[in-house]
């Protein structure tokens, strides 16, 4: 059975988040969390929070053992952009796009 956790409207772009997600896809949850703890990227903290939430869902709601859980699917989708502007010289302004993402984690139980 699959256990799902989602985090929406994170402050990190989906492109930067996918770099972190590729490192932990297919790993056991405890191994992935220890890897995320030492990653310097800002997205690692958000991904770690989402994986912990999925693990908590699996253990508390469905009664699975934390050692048997494996990350089967994990992906980041684009969320809405926030349009922003910085003022430049000669009365002009420079548009910025502040990107965000939605992170989805799917866990399954695999008994060795």
C-alpha atoms as a PDB file:
ATOM      1  CA  UNK A   1       0.000   0.000   0.000  1.00  0.00           C
ATOM      2  CA  UNK A   2       1.203   3.483  -0.844  1.00  0.00           C
ATOM      3  CA  UNK A   3       1.500   6.284   1.705  1.00  0.00           C
ATOM      4  CA  UNK A   4       1.472   9.820   0.296  1.00  0.00           C
ATOM      5  CA  UNK A   5       2.538  13.200   1.711  1.00  0.00           C
ATOM      6  CA  UNK A   6       2.429  16.530  -0.111  1.00  0.00           C
ATOM      7  CA  UNK A   7       3.910  19.920   0.653  1.00  0.00           C
ATOM      8  CA  UNK A   8       2.522  22.799  -1.356  1.00  0.00           C
ATOM      9  CA  UNK A   9       3.773  26.297  -2.147  1.00  0.00           C
ATOM     10  CA  UNK A  10       7.361  25.841  -0.960  1.00  0.00           C
ATOM     11  CA  UNK A  11       9.679  28.793  -1.386  1.00  0.00           C
ATOM     12  CA  UNK A  12      12.201  26.873  -3.517  1.00  0.00           C
ATOM     13  CA  UNK A  13      11.919  26.464  -7.286  1.00  0.00           C
ATOM     14  CA  UNK A  14      11.058  23.061  -8.719  1.00  0.00           C
ATOM     15  CA  UNK A  15      14.298  22.928 -10.723  1.00  0.00           C
ATOM     16  CA  UNK A  16      16.448  23.324  -7.604  1.00  0.00           C
ATOM     17  CA  UNK A  17      14.291  20.871  -5.671  1.00  0.00           C
ATOM     18  CA  UNK A  18      14.614  18.166  -8.337  1.00  0.00           C
ATOM     19  CA  UNK A  19      18.405  18.136  -7.886  1.00  0.00           C
ATOM     20  CA  UNK A  20      17.891  17.056  -4.264  1.00  0.00           C
ATOM     21  CA  UNK A  21      15.094  14.611  -5.083  1.00  0.00           C
ATOM     22  CA  UNK A  22      17.210  12.707  -7.595  1.00  0.00           C
ATOM     23  CA  UNK A  23      19.678  11.827  -4.834  1.00  0.00           C
ATOM     24  CA  UNK A  24      17.148  10.147  -2.538  1.00  0.00           C
ATOM     25  CA  UNK A  25      14.743   8.483  -4.994  1.00  0.00           C
ATOM     26  CA  UNK A  26      14.576   4.710  -4.425  1.00  0.00           C
ATOM     27  CA  UNK A  27      16.352   4.745  -1.049  1.00  0.00           C
ATOM     28  CA  UNK A  28      15.121   3.612   2.334  1.00  0.00           C
ATOM     29  CA  UNK A  29      13.593   6.431   4.356  1.00  0.00           C
ATOM     30  CA  UNK A  30      16.084   6.389   7.238  1.00  0.00           C
ATOM     31  CA  UNK A  31      19.019   6.452   4.821  1.00  0.00           C
ATOM     32  CA  UNK A  32      17.438   9.300   2.846  1.00  0.00           C
ATOM     33  CA  UNK A  33      16.831  11.380   5.985  1.00  0.00           C
ATOM     34  CA  UNK A  34      20.446  10.988   7.111  1.00  0.00           C
ATOM     35  CA  UNK A  35      21.608  12.038   3.635  1.00  0.00           C
ATOM     36  CA  UNK A  36      19.333  15.097   3.629  1.00  0.00           C
ATOM     37  CA  UNK A  37      20.620  16.234   7.016  1.00  0.00           C
ATOM     38  CA  UNK A  38      24.076  16.922   5.554  1.00  0.00           C
ATOM     39  CA  UNK A  39      23.072  18.424   2.198  1.00  0.00           C
ATOM     40  CA  UNK A  40      23.877  22.157   1.900  1.00  0.00           C
ATOM     41  CA  UNK A  41      20.967  22.994  -0.437  1.00  0.00           C
ATOM     42  CA  UNK A  42      18.041  24.968   0.944  1.00  0.00           C
ATOM     43  CA  UNK A  43      15.626  22.529  -0.703  1.00  0.00           C
ATOM     44  CA  UNK A  44      17.010  19.672   1.432  1.00  0.00           C
ATOM     45  CA  UNK A  45      15.331  21.049   4.559  1.00  0.00           C
ATOM     46  CA  UNK A  46      11.924  21.256   2.851  1.00  0.00           C
ATOM     47  CA  UNK A  47      12.262  17.785   1.317  1.00  0.00           C
ATOM     48  CA  UNK A  48      13.325  16.349   4.684  1.00  0.00           C
ATOM     49  CA  UNK A  49      10.220  17.808   6.299  1.00  0.00           C
ATOM     50  CA  UNK A  50       7.994  16.220   3.649  1.00  0.00           C
ATOM     51  CA  UNK A  51       9.662  12.792   3.940  1.00  0.00           C
ATOM     52  CA  UNK A  52       9.286  12.908   7.741  1.00  0.00           C
ATOM     53  CA  UNK A  53       5.601  13.717   7.301  1.00  0.00           C
ATOM     54  CA  UNK A  54       5.124  10.740   4.968  1.00  0.00           C
ATOM     55  CA  UNK A  55       6.959   8.459   7.407  1.00  0.00           C
ATOM     56  CA  UNK A  56       4.791   9.715  10.258  1.00  0.00           C
ATOM     57  CA  UNK A  57       1.668   9.007   8.173  1.00  0.00           C
ATOM     58  CA  UNK A  58       2.881   5.463   7.530  1.00  0.00           C
ATOM     59  CA  UNK A  59       3.751   4.630  11.140  1.00  0.00           C
ATOM     60  CA  UNK A  60       0.931   6.373  12.998  1.00  0.00           C
ATOM     61  CA  UNK A  61      -1.996   5.898  10.625  1.00  0.00           C
ATOM     62  CA  UNK A  62      -1.247   2.550   8.979  1.00  0.00           C
ATOM     63  CA  UNK A  63       1.035   0.932  11.576  1.00  0.00           C
ATOM     64  CA  UNK A  64       3.982   0.207   9.267  1.00  0.00           C
ATOM     65  CA  UNK A  65       7.512  -0.241  10.574  1.00  0.00           C
ATOM     66  CA  UNK A  66       9.784   2.726   9.774  1.00  0.00           C
ATOM     67  CA  UNK A  67      12.726   0.485   8.847  1.00  0.00           C
ATOM     68  CA  UNK A  68      10.791  -1.190   6.013  1.00  0.00           C
ATOM     69  CA  UNK A  69       9.656   1.995   4.228  1.00  0.00           C
ATOM     70  CA  UNK A  70      11.175   2.889   0.844  1.00  0.00           C
ATOM     71  CA  UNK A  71      10.722   6.041  -1.249  1.00  0.00           C
ATOM     72  CA  UNK A  72       9.189   4.752  -4.491  1.00  0.00           C
ATOM     73  CA  UNK A  73       8.084   8.034  -6.071  1.00  0.00           C
ATOM     74  CA  UNK A  74       9.151  11.560  -5.257  1.00  0.00           C
ATOM     75  CA  UNK A  75       8.675  14.542  -7.519  1.00  0.00           C
ATOM     76  CA  UNK A  76       8.409  18.326  -7.580  1.00  0.00           C
ATOM     77  CA  UNK A  77       5.881  20.198  -9.712  1.00  0.00           C
ATOM     78  CA  UNK A  78       5.769  23.885 -10.539  1.00  0.00           C
ATOM     79  CA  UNK A  79       3.601  26.073  -8.329  1.00  0.00           C
ATOM     80  CA  UNK A  80       2.302  29.552  -9.189  1.00  0.00           C
ATOM     81  CA  UNK A  81       4.793  32.350  -9.832  1.00  0.00           C
ATOM     82  CA  UNK A  82       4.871  35.539  -7.825  1.00  0.00           C
ATOM     83  CA  UNK A  83       5.590  38.538 -10.012  1.00  0.00           C
ATOM     84  CA  UNK A  84       7.953  41.013  -8.390  1.00  0.00           C
ATOM     85  CA  UNK A  85       9.875  44.074  -9.484  1.00  0.00           C
ATOM     86  CA  UNK A  86      13.077  45.883  -8.645  1.00  0.00           C
ATOM     87  CA  UNK A  87      13.450  49.502  -9.545  1.00  0.00           C
ATOM     88  CA  UNK A  88      16.294  50.401 -11.872  1.00  0.00           C
ATOM     89  CA  UNK A  89      17.946  53.512 -13.213  1.00  0.00           C
ATOM     90  CA  UNK A  90      16.104  56.212 -15.178  1.00  0.00           C
ATOM     91  CA  UNK A  91      12.673  55.351 -13.827  1.00  0.00           C
ATOM     92  CA  UNK A  92      12.642  51.808 -15.173  1.00  0.00           C
ATOM     93  CA  UNK A  93      11.899  48.626 -13.293  1.00  0.00           C
ATOM     94  CA  UNK A  94      13.263  45.129 -13.684  1.00  0.00           C
ATOM     95  CA  UNK A  95      10.738  42.298 -13.419  1.00  0.00           C
ATOM     96  CA  UNK A  96      11.518  39.204 -11.333  1.00  0.00           C
ATOM     97  CA  UNK A  97       9.718  35.887 -11.050  1.00  0.00           C
ATOM     98  CA  UNK A  98       9.730  34.243  -7.642  1.00  0.00           C
ATOM     99  CA  UNK A  99       9.210  30.552  -8.241  1.00  0.00           C
ATOM    100  CA  UNK A 100       7.750  27.966  -5.894  1.00  0.00           C
ATOM    101  CA  UNK A 101       6.989  24.246  -6.060  1.00  0.00           C
ATOM    102  CA  UNK A 102       4.763  21.420  -4.844  1.00  0.00           C
ATOM    103  CA  UNK A 103       6.592  18.332  -3.484  1.00  0.00           C
ATOM    104  CA  UNK A 104       4.974  14.873  -3.426  1.00  0.00           C
ATOM    105  CA  UNK A 105       6.450  11.829  -1.640  1.00  0.00           C
ATOM    106  CA  UNK A 106       5.116   8.267  -2.049  1.00  0.00           C
ATOM    107  CA  UNK A 107       6.343   5.520   0.301  1.00  0.00           C
ATOM    108  CA  UNK A 108       5.849   1.750   0.118  1.00  0.00           C
ATOM    109  CA  UNK A 109       6.664  -1.046   2.499  1.00  0.00           C
ATOM    110  CA  UNK A 110       9.352  -3.483   1.358  1.00  0.00           C
ATOM    111  CA  UNK A 111      10.212  -6.290   3.736  1.00  0.00           C
ATOM    112  CA  UNK A 112      13.693  -7.763   3.270  1.00  0.00           C
END
